[in-house]
Amino acid sequence: MSEIEGVIKFTMDHEPSDPPACDEILNELMMWRDLCRKLNFLGQDPNRYMGYGYGNISARHSGMQFLISASQTSGVEASQPKHFALVSDASLAENRLTSTGAMPPSSESMTHSAIYQMSDRVHWVVHAHNPEIWTHSDRLDMPFTAADIPYGTPEMADAVMTLCQSFERPEQGIFVMKGHQDGVVSYAPTGKQAVQLMIEAYLSALTV
């Protein structure tokens, strides 16, 4: 049985604080996040995933720090700065994350961190939930993490890093999480590229 999203599985040192200050990165992040919401790549549906919010998006802020949509905010139609957290440090080995913001970061933050640590050319990560891509991933010949690896764990972070490093272009790619129901992840140097990869995969899945 594939796992759904919603439960944080790492040690979190979250300091409640004012929302991240609005800057160029956060403004663009809110724009792409709201587009992904309109496309149902992220959201919240009482009839899906036991009512948990699903999907998240992040952008590198500086160094290994990144801004990410906060836990269980995926159902919000129009995002605000308070709906994002700043991850200032993440240790994959210790399964520990440090963050600030009005709300704690997404339960998939460790996976995002693994991708940013994998390549300093990656600046955007989109974690969508899309049944069409996920169901037809084999026919689309998409890379994947194994079905026995649960989301939000050190094993998933390690698997994601290893998988992405094997790509011809490590700074850009898309893959499915077979152990995380409907979970699909795209990443790239720009927000447009990361979202476009997800849209192209979705359109391909509709035609197989």
C-alpha atoms as a PDB file:
ATOM      1  CA  MET A   1       0.000   0.000   0.000  1.00  0.00           C
ATOM      2  CA  SER A   2       1.509   3.303  -1.063  1.00  0.00           C
ATOM      3  CA  GLU A   3       1.817   5.987   1.577  1.00  0.00           C
ATOM      4  CA  ILE A   4       0.019   9.300   1.484  1.00  0.00           C
ATOM      5  CA  GLU A   5       1.300  12.627   2.704  1.00  0.00           C
ATOM      6  CA  GLY A   6       0.668  14.458   5.960  1.00  0.00           C
ATOM      7  CA  VAL A   7       2.826  13.017   8.754  1.00  0.00           C
ATOM      8  CA  ILE A   8       6.248  14.526   9.519  1.00  0.00           C
ATOM      9  CA  LYS A   9       8.803  11.736   9.974  1.00  0.00           C
ATOM     10  CA  PHE A  10      11.921  13.698  10.854  1.00  0.00           C
ATOM     11  CA  THR A  11      13.056  15.651  13.894  1.00  0.00           C
ATOM     12  CA  MET A  12      12.075  19.264  13.400  1.00  0.00           C
ATOM     13  CA  ASP A  13      13.555  22.249  15.224  1.00  0.00           C
ATOM     14  CA  HIS A  14      11.018  24.848  14.149  1.00  0.00           C
ATOM     15  CA  GLU A  15      11.080  28.318  15.643  1.00  0.00           C
ATOM     16  CA  PRO A  16       7.772  30.170  15.193  1.00  0.00           C
ATOM     17  CA  SER A  17       8.487  33.595  13.770  1.00  0.00           C
ATOM     18  CA  ASP A  18       7.146  36.264  11.472  1.00  0.00           C
ATOM     19  CA  PRO A  19       6.535  35.045   7.911  1.00  0.00           C
ATOM     20  CA  PRO A  20       9.518  35.205   5.539  1.00  0.00           C
ATOM     21  CA  ALA A  21      10.091  38.702   4.215  1.00  0.00           C
ATOM     22  CA  CYS A  22       8.699  39.288   0.733  1.00  0.00           C
ATOM     23  CA  ASP A  23      11.459  39.373  -1.843  1.00  0.00           C
ATOM     24  CA  GLU A  24      11.846  38.397  -5.482  1.00  0.00           C
ATOM     25  CA  ILE A  25      12.235  34.701  -4.674  1.00  0.00           C
ATOM     26  CA  LEU A  26       9.197  34.501  -2.398  1.00  0.00           C
ATOM     27  CA  ASN A  27       7.018  36.474  -4.813  1.00  0.00           C
ATOM     28  CA  GLU A  28       7.916  34.101  -7.645  1.00  0.00           C
ATOM     29  CA  LEU A  29       7.426  31.099  -5.371  1.00  0.00           C
ATOM     30  CA  MET A  30       3.907  32.252  -4.498  1.00  0.00           C
ATOM     31  CA  MET A  31       3.131  32.706  -8.209  1.00  0.00           C
ATOM     32  CA  TRP A  32       4.228  29.177  -9.186  1.00  0.00           C
ATOM     33  CA  ARG A  33       2.634  27.692  -6.092  1.00  0.00           C
ATOM     34  CA  ASP A  34      -0.739  29.234  -6.959  1.00  0.00           C
ATOM     35  CA  LEU A  35      -0.479  27.989 -10.546  1.00  0.00           C
ATOM     36  CA  CYS A  36       0.237  24.464  -9.288  1.00  0.00           C
ATOM     37  CA  ARG A  37      -2.816  24.790  -7.041  1.00  0.00           C
ATOM     38  CA  LYS A  38      -4.979  25.718 -10.035  1.00  0.00           C
ATOM     39  CA  LEU A  39      -3.635  22.693 -11.919  1.00  0.00           C
ATOM     40  CA  ASN A  40      -4.429  20.432  -8.917  1.00  0.00           C
ATOM     41  CA  PHE A  41      -0.791  19.412  -8.631  1.00  0.00           C
ATOM     42  CA  LEU A  42      -1.230  20.360  -4.985  1.00  0.00           C
ATOM     43  CA  GLY A  43      -4.374  20.913  -2.968  1.00  0.00           C
ATOM     44  CA  GLN A  44      -6.686  19.439  -0.368  1.00  0.00           C
ATOM     45  CA  ASP A  45      -9.697  17.248  -1.029  1.00  0.00           C
ATOM     46  CA  PRO A  46     -11.781  15.575   1.714  1.00  0.00           C
ATOM     47  CA  ASN A  47     -12.273  12.617  -0.627  1.00  0.00           C
ATOM     48  CA  ARG A  48      -8.544  12.071  -1.302  1.00  0.00           C
ATOM     49  CA  TYR A  49      -5.698  11.056   1.009  1.00  0.00           C
ATOM     50  CA  MET A  50      -7.921  11.060   4.124  1.00  0.00           C
ATOM     51  CA  GLY A  51      -8.420  14.797   3.716  1.00  0.00           C
ATOM     52  CA  TYR A  52      -4.731  15.682   4.126  1.00  0.00           C
ATOM     53  CA  GLY A  53      -3.245  18.448   2.010  1.00  0.00           C
ATOM     54  CA  TYR A  54      -1.051  17.129  -0.789  1.00  0.00           C
ATOM     55  CA  GLY A  55       1.870  18.506  -2.760  1.00  0.00           C
ATOM     56  CA  ASN A  56       4.382  21.261  -2.038  1.00  0.00           C
ATOM     57  CA  ILE A  57       6.873  23.533  -3.762  1.00  0.00           C
ATOM     58  CA  SER A  58      10.166  25.119  -2.786  1.00  0.00           C
ATOM     59  CA  ALA A  59      12.852  27.493  -4.020  1.00  0.00           C
ATOM     60  CA  ARG A  60      16.471  27.832  -2.988  1.00  0.00           C
ATOM     61  CA  HIS A  61      16.944  31.012  -0.968  1.00  0.00           C
ATOM     62  CA  SER A  62      20.685  31.139  -0.361  1.00  0.00           C
ATOM     63  CA  GLY A  63      23.287  28.420  -0.011  1.00  0.00           C
ATOM     64  CA  MET A  64      21.483  25.318   1.247  1.00  0.00           C
ATOM     65  CA  GLN A  65      18.608  27.337   2.693  1.00  0.00           C
ATOM     66  CA  PHE A  66      15.279  27.122   0.917  1.00  0.00           C
ATOM     67  CA  LEU A  67      11.723  28.416   1.181  1.00  0.00           C
ATOM     68  CA  ILE A  68       9.010  25.760   1.091  1.00  0.00           C
ATOM     69  CA  SER A  69       5.253  25.714   1.374  1.00  0.00           C
ATOM     70  CA  ALA A  70       4.199  25.060   4.946  1.00  0.00           C
ATOM     71  CA  SER A  71       2.633  21.854   6.206  1.00  0.00           C
ATOM     72  CA  GLN A  72      -1.055  21.434   5.356  1.00  0.00           C
ATOM     73  CA  THR A  73      -1.416  24.696   3.428  1.00  0.00           C
ATOM     74  CA  SER A  74      -1.938  23.059   0.033  1.00  0.00           C
ATOM     75  CA  GLY A  75      -5.680  23.708   0.073  1.00  0.00           C
ATOM     76  CA  VAL A  76      -5.268  27.478   0.259  1.00  0.00           C
ATOM     77  CA  GLU A  77      -6.355  29.050  -3.037  1.00  0.00           C
ATOM     78  CA  ALA A  78      -4.123  32.143  -2.920  1.00  0.00           C
ATOM     79  CA  SER A  79      -0.878  31.885  -0.986  1.00  0.00           C
ATOM     80  CA  GLN A  80       0.578  34.490   1.359  1.00  0.00           C
ATOM     81  CA  PRO A  81       4.036  34.764   2.977  1.00  0.00           C
ATOM     82  CA  LYS A  82       2.673  33.129   6.141  1.00  0.00           C
ATOM     83  CA  HIS A  83       2.104  29.941   4.139  1.00  0.00           C
ATOM     84  CA  PHE A  84       5.849  29.375   3.694  1.00  0.00           C
ATOM     85  CA  ALA A  85       8.708  28.379   5.974  1.00  0.00           C
ATOM     86  CA  LEU A  86      12.437  28.930   5.645  1.00  0.00           C
ATOM     87  CA  VAL A  87      14.524  25.782   6.081  1.00  0.00           C
ATOM     88  CA  SER A  88      17.875  27.028   7.333  1.00  0.00           C
ATOM     89  CA  ASP A  89      19.595  23.685   7.915  1.00  0.00           C
ATOM     90  CA  ALA A  90      18.938  20.015   7.196  1.00  0.00           C
ATOM     91  CA  SER A  91      20.955  16.941   8.091  1.00  0.00           C
ATOM     92  CA  LEU A  92      20.065  13.880   6.046  1.00  0.00           C
ATOM     93  CA  ALA A  93      22.272  11.657   8.211  1.00  0.00           C
ATOM     94  CA  GLU A  94      20.599  12.779  11.445  1.00  0.00           C
ATOM     95  CA  ASN A  95      17.127  13.123   9.879  1.00  0.00           C
ATOM     96  CA  ARG A  96      16.891  16.569  11.456  1.00  0.00           C
ATOM     97  CA  LEU A  97      15.695  19.877  10.072  1.00  0.00           C
ATOM     98  CA  THR A  98      15.824  23.472  11.357  1.00  0.00           C
ATOM     99  CA  SER A  99      13.299  26.040  10.176  1.00  0.00           C
ATOM    100  CA  THR A 100      11.545  29.324  10.937  1.00  0.00           C
ATOM    101  CA  GLY A 101       8.226  30.832   9.921  1.00  0.00           C
ATOM    102  CA  ALA A 102       4.637  31.264  10.991  1.00  0.00           C
ATOM    103  CA  MET A 103       3.960  27.584  10.183  1.00  0.00           C
ATOM    104  CA  PRO A 104       6.197  24.482  10.089  1.00  0.00           C
ATOM    105  CA  PRO A 105       7.492  23.281   6.711  1.00  0.00           C
ATOM    106  CA  SER A 106       6.084  20.468   4.602  1.00  0.00           C
ATOM    107  CA  SER A 107       6.479  16.835   5.600  1.00  0.00           C
ATOM    108  CA  GLU A 108       8.472  16.347   2.368  1.00  0.00           C
ATOM    109  CA  SER A 109      11.127  18.944   3.278  1.00  0.00           C
ATOM    110  CA  MET A 110      13.881  16.345   3.649  1.00  0.00           C
ATOM    111  CA  THR A 111      13.338  15.180   0.075  1.00  0.00           C
ATOM    112  CA  HIS A 112      13.603  18.764  -1.165  1.00  0.00           C
ATOM    113  CA  SER A 113      16.785  19.215   0.866  1.00  0.00           C
ATOM    114  CA  ALA A 114      18.322  16.076  -0.648  1.00  0.00           C
ATOM    115  CA  ILE A 115      17.769  17.458  -4.151  1.00  0.00           C
ATOM    116  CA  TYR A 116      19.295  20.840  -3.287  1.00  0.00           C
ATOM    117  CA  GLN A 117      22.298  19.117  -1.714  1.00  0.00           C
ATOM    118  CA  MET A 118      22.657  16.894  -4.779  1.00  0.00           C
ATOM    119  CA  SER A 119      23.359  19.840  -7.120  1.00  0.00           C
ATOM    120  CA  ASP A 120      23.897  23.522  -6.432  1.00  0.00           C
ATOM    121  CA  ARG A 121      22.413  24.226  -9.870  1.00  0.00           C
ATOM    122  CA  VAL A 122      18.957  23.141  -8.685  1.00  0.00           C
ATOM    123  CA  HIS A 123      16.950  26.119  -7.465  1.00  0.00           C
ATOM    124  CA  TRP A 124      13.357  24.861  -7.650  1.00  0.00           C
ATOM    125  CA  VAL A 125      11.564  21.672  -6.589  1.00  0.00           C
ATOM    126  CA  VAL A 126       7.910  20.760  -7.197  1.00  0.00           C
ATOM    127  CA  HIS A 127       6.348  17.809  -5.403  1.00  0.00           C
ATOM    128  CA  ALA A 128       2.989  17.204  -7.059  1.00  0.00           C
ATOM    129  CA  HIS A 129       0.332  14.571  -6.641  1.00  0.00           C
ATOM    130  CA  ASN A 130      -0.924  13.419 -10.013  1.00  0.00           C
ATOM    131  CA  PRO A 131      -2.699  10.068 -10.422  1.00  0.00           C
ATOM    132  CA  GLU A 132      -2.293  10.065 -14.207  1.00  0.00           C
ATOM    133  CA  ILE A 133       1.491  10.454 -14.179  1.00  0.00           C
ATOM    134  CA  TRP A 134       1.899   8.064 -11.249  1.00  0.00           C
ATOM    135  CA  THR A 135      -0.322   5.343 -12.740  1.00  0.00           C
ATOM    136  CA  HIS A 136       1.268   5.480 -16.197  1.00  0.00           C
ATOM    137  CA  SER A 137       4.862   6.082 -15.079  1.00  0.00           C
ATOM    138  CA  ASP A 138       6.042   2.694 -16.370  1.00  0.00           C
ATOM    139  CA  ARG A 139       4.581   3.300 -19.823  1.00  0.00           C
ATOM    140  CA  LEU A 140       6.143   6.772 -19.775  1.00  0.00           C
ATOM    141  CA  ASP A 141       9.478   5.167 -18.852  1.00  0.00           C
ATOM    142  CA  MET A 142       9.891   7.536 -15.934  1.00  0.00           C
ATOM    143  CA  PRO A 143      12.583   7.088 -13.259  1.00  0.00           C
ATOM    144  CA  PHE A 144      11.279   6.117  -9.838  1.00  0.00           C
ATOM    145  CA  THR A 145      12.096   5.441  -6.222  1.00  0.00           C
ATOM    146  CA  ALA A 146      11.213   1.964  -4.965  1.00  0.00           C
ATOM    147  CA  ALA A 147       7.770   1.133  -3.614  1.00  0.00           C
ATOM    148  CA  ASP A 148       9.166  -0.014  -0.262  1.00  0.00           C
ATOM    149  CA  ILE A 149      10.749   3.371   0.533  1.00  0.00           C
ATOM    150  CA  PRO A 150       8.364   5.609   2.530  1.00  0.00           C
ATOM    151  CA  TYR A 151       8.212   9.367   2.036  1.00  0.00           C
ATOM    152  CA  GLY A 152       9.845  11.789   4.471  1.00  0.00           C
ATOM    153  CA  THR A 153      12.497   9.307   5.663  1.00  0.00           C
ATOM    154  CA  PRO A 154      16.311   9.197   5.424  1.00  0.00           C
ATOM    155  CA  GLU A 155      15.903   6.233   3.082  1.00  0.00           C
ATOM    156  CA  MET A 156      13.813   8.336   0.711  1.00  0.00           C
ATOM    157  CA  ALA A 157      16.273  11.233   0.858  1.00  0.00           C
ATOM    158  CA  ASP A 158      19.164   8.870   0.066  1.00  0.00           C
ATOM    159  CA  ALA A 159      17.218   7.197  -2.742  1.00  0.00           C
ATOM    160  CA  VAL A 160      16.281  10.535  -4.293  1.00  0.00           C
ATOM    161  CA  MET A 161      19.851  11.824  -4.180  1.00  0.00           C
ATOM    162  CA  THR A 162      21.206   8.622  -5.742  1.00  0.00           C
ATOM    163  CA  LEU A 163      18.523   8.598  -8.435  1.00  0.00           C
ATOM    164  CA  CYS A 164      18.997  12.245  -9.416  1.00  0.00           C
ATOM    165  CA  GLN A 165      22.775  11.893  -9.549  1.00  0.00           C
ATOM    166  CA  SER A 166      22.322   9.154 -12.142  1.00  0.00           C
ATOM    167  CA  PHE A 167      20.481  11.440 -14.571  1.00  0.00           C
ATOM    168  CA  GLU A 168      22.252  12.747 -17.652  1.00  0.00           C
ATOM    169  CA  ARG A 169      21.476  16.270 -16.436  1.00  0.00           C
ATOM    170  CA  PRO A 170      21.496  16.123 -12.609  1.00  0.00           C
ATOM    171  CA  GLU A 171      20.349  19.740 -12.354  1.00  0.00           C
ATOM    172  CA  GLN A 172      16.983  19.006 -14.009  1.00  0.00           C
ATOM    173  CA  GLY A 173      14.627  16.053 -13.971  1.00  0.00           C
ATOM    174  CA  ILE A 174      11.374  14.403 -12.960  1.00  0.00           C
ATOM    175  CA  PHE A 175      10.620  11.114 -11.206  1.00  0.00           C
ATOM    176  CA  VAL A 176       7.835   9.297  -9.391  1.00  0.00           C
ATOM    177  CA  MET A 177       7.769   7.968  -5.824  1.00  0.00           C
ATOM    178  CA  LYS A 178       6.287   4.505  -6.088  1.00  0.00           C
ATOM    179  CA  GLY A 179       6.042   4.278  -2.315  1.00  0.00           C
ATOM    180  CA  HIS A 180       4.121   7.552  -2.048  1.00  0.00           C
ATOM    181  CA  GLN A 181       0.689   7.471  -3.646  1.00  0.00           C
ATOM    182  CA  ASP A 182       0.465   9.755  -6.705  1.00  0.00           C
ATOM    183  CA  GLY A 183       3.752  11.456  -5.728  1.00  0.00           C
ATOM    184  CA  VAL A 184       5.747  13.011  -8.575  1.00  0.00           C
ATOM    185  CA  VAL A 185       8.764  15.311  -8.182  1.00  0.00           C
ATOM    186  CA  SER A 186      10.292  17.695 -10.708  1.00  0.00           C
ATOM    187  CA  TYR A 187      13.239  20.014 -10.184  1.00  0.00           C
ATOM    188  CA  ALA A 188      15.236  22.487 -12.253  1.00  0.00           C
ATOM    189  CA  PRO A 189      17.308  25.671 -12.201  1.00  0.00           C
ATOM    190  CA  THR A 190      14.169  27.822 -12.677  1.00  0.00           C
ATOM    191  CA  GLY A 191      10.591  27.687 -11.483  1.00  0.00           C
ATOM    192  CA  LYS A 192       9.303  27.770 -15.047  1.00  0.00           C
ATOM    193  CA  GLN A 193      11.390  24.738 -15.997  1.00  0.00           C
ATOM    194  CA  ALA A 194      10.341  22.739 -12.929  1.00  0.00           C
ATOM    195  CA  VAL A 195       6.622  23.410 -13.451  1.00  0.00           C
ATOM    196  CA  GLN A 196       6.907  22.855 -17.205  1.00  0.00           C
ATOM    197  CA  LEU A 197       8.420  19.406 -16.641  1.00  0.00           C
ATOM    198  CA  MET A 198       5.394  18.480 -14.528  1.00  0.00           C
ATOM    199  CA  ILE A 199       2.912  19.833 -17.077  1.00  0.00           C
ATOM    200  CA  GLU A 200       4.620  18.008 -19.960  1.00  0.00           C
ATOM    201  CA  ALA A 201       4.575  14.720 -18.006  1.00  0.00           C
ATOM    202  CA  TYR A 202       0.876  15.208 -17.232  1.00  0.00           C
ATOM    203  CA  LEU A 203       0.020  15.853 -20.891  1.00  0.00           C
ATOM    204  CA  SER A 204       2.019  12.779 -21.910  1.00  0.00           C
ATOM    205  CA  ALA A 205       0.191  10.664 -19.325  1.00  0.00           C
ATOM    206  CA  LEU A 206      -3.157  11.715 -20.778  1.00  0.00           C
ATOM    207  CA  THR A 207      -2.217  10.359 -24.203  1.00  0.00           C
ATOM    208  CA  VAL A 208      -0.693   6.944 -23.385  1.00  0.00           C
END
